[in-house]
């Protein structure tokens, strides 16, 4: 058995071990709380609060795509009307505007969570 087989097997074993430890520890913790008299409904409280994850994902994706589009547009303007190197302008403005878009999406998601 060569290293080509050992790497995927050890990766699978590591992921399985982490998931197994997570769920077994969570189960023991819940059983201990129930034995002490805690109501079982406390385990479901976190699932009903807040905005659904798909709304936040769509909001962040939309702002990311808007940022990428603005990055292309600004890079086109800069490369057309200045003597700057277009090999540098395009990646720099696209990455910068993508970051700005993600930052705006993060702040909008926080505002959604407050409502």
C-alpha atoms as a PDB file:
ATOM      1  CA  UNK A   1       0.000   0.000   0.000  1.00  0.00           C
ATOM      2  CA  UNK A   2       1.673   3.180  -1.197  1.00  0.00           C
ATOM      3  CA  UNK A   3       1.275   6.788  -0.106  1.00  0.00           C
ATOM      4  CA  UNK A   4      -1.315   7.294  -2.854  1.00  0.00           C
ATOM      5  CA  UNK A   5      -3.750   5.203  -0.812  1.00  0.00           C
ATOM      6  CA  UNK A   6      -2.686   6.224   2.692  1.00  0.00           C
ATOM      7  CA  UNK A   7      -3.313   9.951   2.236  1.00  0.00           C
ATOM      8  CA  UNK A   8      -7.019   9.670   1.282  1.00  0.00           C
ATOM      9  CA  UNK A   9      -7.595   6.985   3.912  1.00  0.00           C
ATOM     10  CA  UNK A  10      -6.021   9.054   6.669  1.00  0.00           C
ATOM     11  CA  UNK A  11      -7.945  12.148   5.535  1.00  0.00           C
ATOM     12  CA  UNK A  12     -11.215  10.197   5.656  1.00  0.00           C
ATOM     13  CA  UNK A  13     -10.304   8.750   9.072  1.00  0.00           C
ATOM     14  CA  UNK A  14      -9.501  12.213  10.424  1.00  0.00           C
ATOM     15  CA  UNK A  15     -12.794  13.716   9.193  1.00  0.00           C
ATOM     16  CA  UNK A  16     -14.756  10.733  10.514  1.00  0.00           C
ATOM     17  CA  UNK A  17     -13.025  11.005  13.906  1.00  0.00           C
ATOM     18  CA  UNK A  18     -13.766  14.721  14.234  1.00  0.00           C
ATOM     19  CA  UNK A  19     -17.439  14.265  13.315  1.00  0.00           C
ATOM     20  CA  UNK A  20     -17.786  11.261  15.625  1.00  0.00           C
ATOM     21  CA  UNK A  21     -16.226  13.107  18.569  1.00  0.00           C
ATOM     22  CA  UNK A  22     -18.414  16.154  17.954  1.00  0.00           C
ATOM     23  CA  UNK A  23     -21.682  14.217  17.923  1.00  0.00           C
ATOM     24  CA  UNK A  24     -20.805  11.852  20.775  1.00  0.00           C
ATOM     25  CA  UNK A  25     -19.702  14.741  23.004  1.00  0.00           C
ATOM     26  CA  UNK A  26     -22.827  16.721  22.155  1.00  0.00           C
ATOM     27  CA  UNK A  27     -25.006  13.707  22.926  1.00  0.00           C
ATOM     28  CA  UNK A  28     -23.324  13.133  26.316  1.00  0.00           C
ATOM     29  CA  UNK A  29     -23.659  16.796  27.187  1.00  0.00           C
ATOM     30  CA  UNK A  30     -27.364  16.812  26.345  1.00  0.00           C
ATOM     31  CA  UNK A  31     -28.003  13.630  28.309  1.00  0.00           C
ATOM     32  CA  UNK A  32     -26.246  15.118  31.337  1.00  0.00           C
ATOM     33  CA  UNK A  33     -28.372  18.258  31.123  1.00  0.00           C
ATOM     34  CA  UNK A  34     -31.568  16.231  30.829  1.00  0.00           C
ATOM     35  CA  UNK A  35     -30.556  14.091  33.819  1.00  0.00           C
ATOM     36  CA  UNK A  36     -30.095  17.247  35.880  1.00  0.00           C
ATOM     37  CA  UNK A  37     -33.663  18.270  35.051  1.00  0.00           C
ATOM     38  CA  UNK A  38     -33.183  20.752  32.214  1.00  0.00           C
ATOM     39  CA  UNK A  39     -36.002  20.947  29.691  1.00  0.00           C
ATOM     40  CA  UNK A  40     -35.200  19.324  26.345  1.00  0.00           C
ATOM     41  CA  UNK A  41     -36.581  22.341  24.451  1.00  0.00           C
ATOM     42  CA  UNK A  42     -33.418  24.345  25.221  1.00  0.00           C
ATOM     43  CA  UNK A  43     -31.657  22.449  22.420  1.00  0.00           C
ATOM     44  CA  UNK A  44     -34.022  23.881  19.799  1.00  0.00           C
ATOM     45  CA  UNK A  45     -33.857  27.561  20.827  1.00  0.00           C
ATOM     46  CA  UNK A  46     -30.885  28.473  18.614  1.00  0.00           C
ATOM     47  CA  UNK A  47     -32.521  27.160  15.446  1.00  0.00           C
ATOM     48  CA  UNK A  48     -35.496  29.536  15.437  1.00  0.00           C
ATOM     49  CA  UNK A  49     -33.670  32.812  16.098  1.00  0.00           C
ATOM     50  CA  UNK A  50     -32.168  35.025  13.427  1.00  0.00           C
ATOM     51  CA  UNK A  51     -32.325  35.307   9.685  1.00  0.00           C
ATOM     52  CA  UNK A  52     -32.189  32.130   7.570  1.00  0.00           C
ATOM     53  CA  UNK A  53     -28.718  31.343   6.266  1.00  0.00           C
ATOM     54  CA  UNK A  54     -29.832  31.270   2.627  1.00  0.00           C
ATOM     55  CA  UNK A  55     -30.904  34.922   2.791  1.00  0.00           C
ATOM     56  CA  UNK A  56     -27.507  35.977   4.115  1.00  0.00           C
ATOM     57  CA  UNK A  57     -25.742  33.841   1.485  1.00  0.00           C
ATOM     58  CA  UNK A  58     -27.766  35.387  -1.354  1.00  0.00           C
ATOM     59  CA  UNK A  59     -27.210  38.902   0.015  1.00  0.00           C
ATOM     60  CA  UNK A  60     -23.446  38.405   0.288  1.00  0.00           C
ATOM     61  CA  UNK A  61     -23.277  36.767  -3.158  1.00  0.00           C
ATOM     62  CA  UNK A  62     -25.180  39.664  -4.704  1.00  0.00           C
ATOM     63  CA  UNK A  63     -22.873  42.266  -3.185  1.00  0.00           C
ATOM     64  CA  UNK A  64     -19.819  40.214  -4.201  1.00  0.00           C
ATOM     65  CA  UNK A  65     -20.991  40.051  -7.811  1.00  0.00           C
ATOM     66  CA  UNK A  66     -21.829  43.767  -7.787  1.00  0.00           C
ATOM     67  CA  UNK A  67     -18.326  44.450  -6.465  1.00  0.00           C
ATOM     68  CA  UNK A  68     -16.742  42.337  -9.209  1.00  0.00           C
ATOM     69  CA  UNK A  69     -18.767  44.159 -11.865  1.00  0.00           C
ATOM     70  CA  UNK A  70     -17.796  47.544 -10.458  1.00  0.00           C
ATOM     71  CA  UNK A  71     -14.179  46.390 -10.339  1.00  0.00           C
ATOM     72  CA  UNK A  72     -14.245  45.553 -14.055  1.00  0.00           C
ATOM     73  CA  UNK A  73     -15.911  48.867 -14.868  1.00  0.00           C
ATOM     74  CA  UNK A  74     -13.479  50.975 -12.837  1.00  0.00           C
ATOM     75  CA  UNK A  75     -10.517  49.038 -14.245  1.00  0.00           C
ATOM     76  CA  UNK A  76     -11.769  49.680 -17.771  1.00  0.00           C
ATOM     77  CA  UNK A  77     -12.111  53.397 -17.040  1.00  0.00           C
ATOM     78  CA  UNK A  78      -8.644  53.563 -15.480  1.00  0.00           C
ATOM     79  CA  UNK A  79      -6.953  51.676 -18.286  1.00  0.00           C
ATOM     80  CA  UNK A  80      -8.718  53.765 -20.956  1.00  0.00           C
ATOM     81  CA  UNK A  81      -8.142  57.224 -19.515  1.00  0.00           C
ATOM     82  CA  UNK A  82      -4.754  56.795 -17.799  1.00  0.00           C
ATOM     83  CA  UNK A  83      -1.378  55.431 -18.764  1.00  0.00           C
ATOM     84  CA  UNK A  84      -1.394  52.858 -15.970  1.00  0.00           C
ATOM     85  CA  UNK A  85      -0.468  49.241 -16.722  1.00  0.00           C
ATOM     86  CA  UNK A  86      -3.699  47.326 -17.395  1.00  0.00           C
ATOM     87  CA  UNK A  87      -2.090  44.054 -16.237  1.00  0.00           C
ATOM     88  CA  UNK A  88      -2.017  45.507 -12.741  1.00  0.00           C
ATOM     89  CA  UNK A  89      -5.187  47.595 -12.790  1.00  0.00           C
ATOM     90  CA  UNK A  90      -7.658  44.800 -13.523  1.00  0.00           C
ATOM     91  CA  UNK A  91      -6.776  42.371 -10.707  1.00  0.00           C
ATOM     92  CA  UNK A  92      -6.225  45.176  -8.205  1.00  0.00           C
ATOM     93  CA  UNK A  93      -9.556  46.898  -8.766  1.00  0.00           C
ATOM     94  CA  UNK A  94     -11.512  43.648  -9.048  1.00  0.00           C
ATOM     95  CA  UNK A  95     -10.094  42.320  -5.774  1.00  0.00           C
ATOM     96  CA  UNK A  96     -10.535  45.672  -4.030  1.00  0.00           C
ATOM     97  CA  UNK A  97     -14.116  46.133  -5.163  1.00  0.00           C
ATOM     98  CA  UNK A  98     -14.928  42.495  -4.308  1.00  0.00           C
ATOM     99  CA  UNK A  99     -13.696  43.151  -0.787  1.00  0.00           C
ATOM    100  CA  UNK A 100     -15.764  46.321  -0.577  1.00  0.00           C
ATOM    101  CA  UNK A 101     -18.799  44.370  -1.802  1.00  0.00           C
ATOM    102  CA  UNK A 102     -18.305  41.678   0.832  1.00  0.00           C
ATOM    103  CA  UNK A 103     -17.883  44.337   3.516  1.00  0.00           C
ATOM    104  CA  UNK A 104     -21.116  46.053   2.469  1.00  0.00           C
ATOM    105  CA  UNK A 105     -22.875  42.663   2.379  1.00  0.00           C
ATOM    106  CA  UNK A 106     -21.630  41.897   5.887  1.00  0.00           C
ATOM    107  CA  UNK A 107     -22.993  45.189   7.224  1.00  0.00           C
ATOM    108  CA  UNK A 108     -26.330  44.662   5.444  1.00  0.00           C
ATOM    109  CA  UNK A 109     -26.551  41.150   6.929  1.00  0.00           C
ATOM    110  CA  UNK A 110     -25.986  42.626  10.395  1.00  0.00           C
ATOM    111  CA  UNK A 111     -28.829  45.071   9.706  1.00  0.00           C
ATOM    112  CA  UNK A 112     -31.068  42.148   8.663  1.00  0.00           C
ATOM    113  CA  UNK A 113     -30.231  40.378  11.910  1.00  0.00           C
ATOM    114  CA  UNK A 114     -31.288  43.419  13.964  1.00  0.00           C
ATOM    115  CA  UNK A 115     -34.765  43.502  12.391  1.00  0.00           C
END
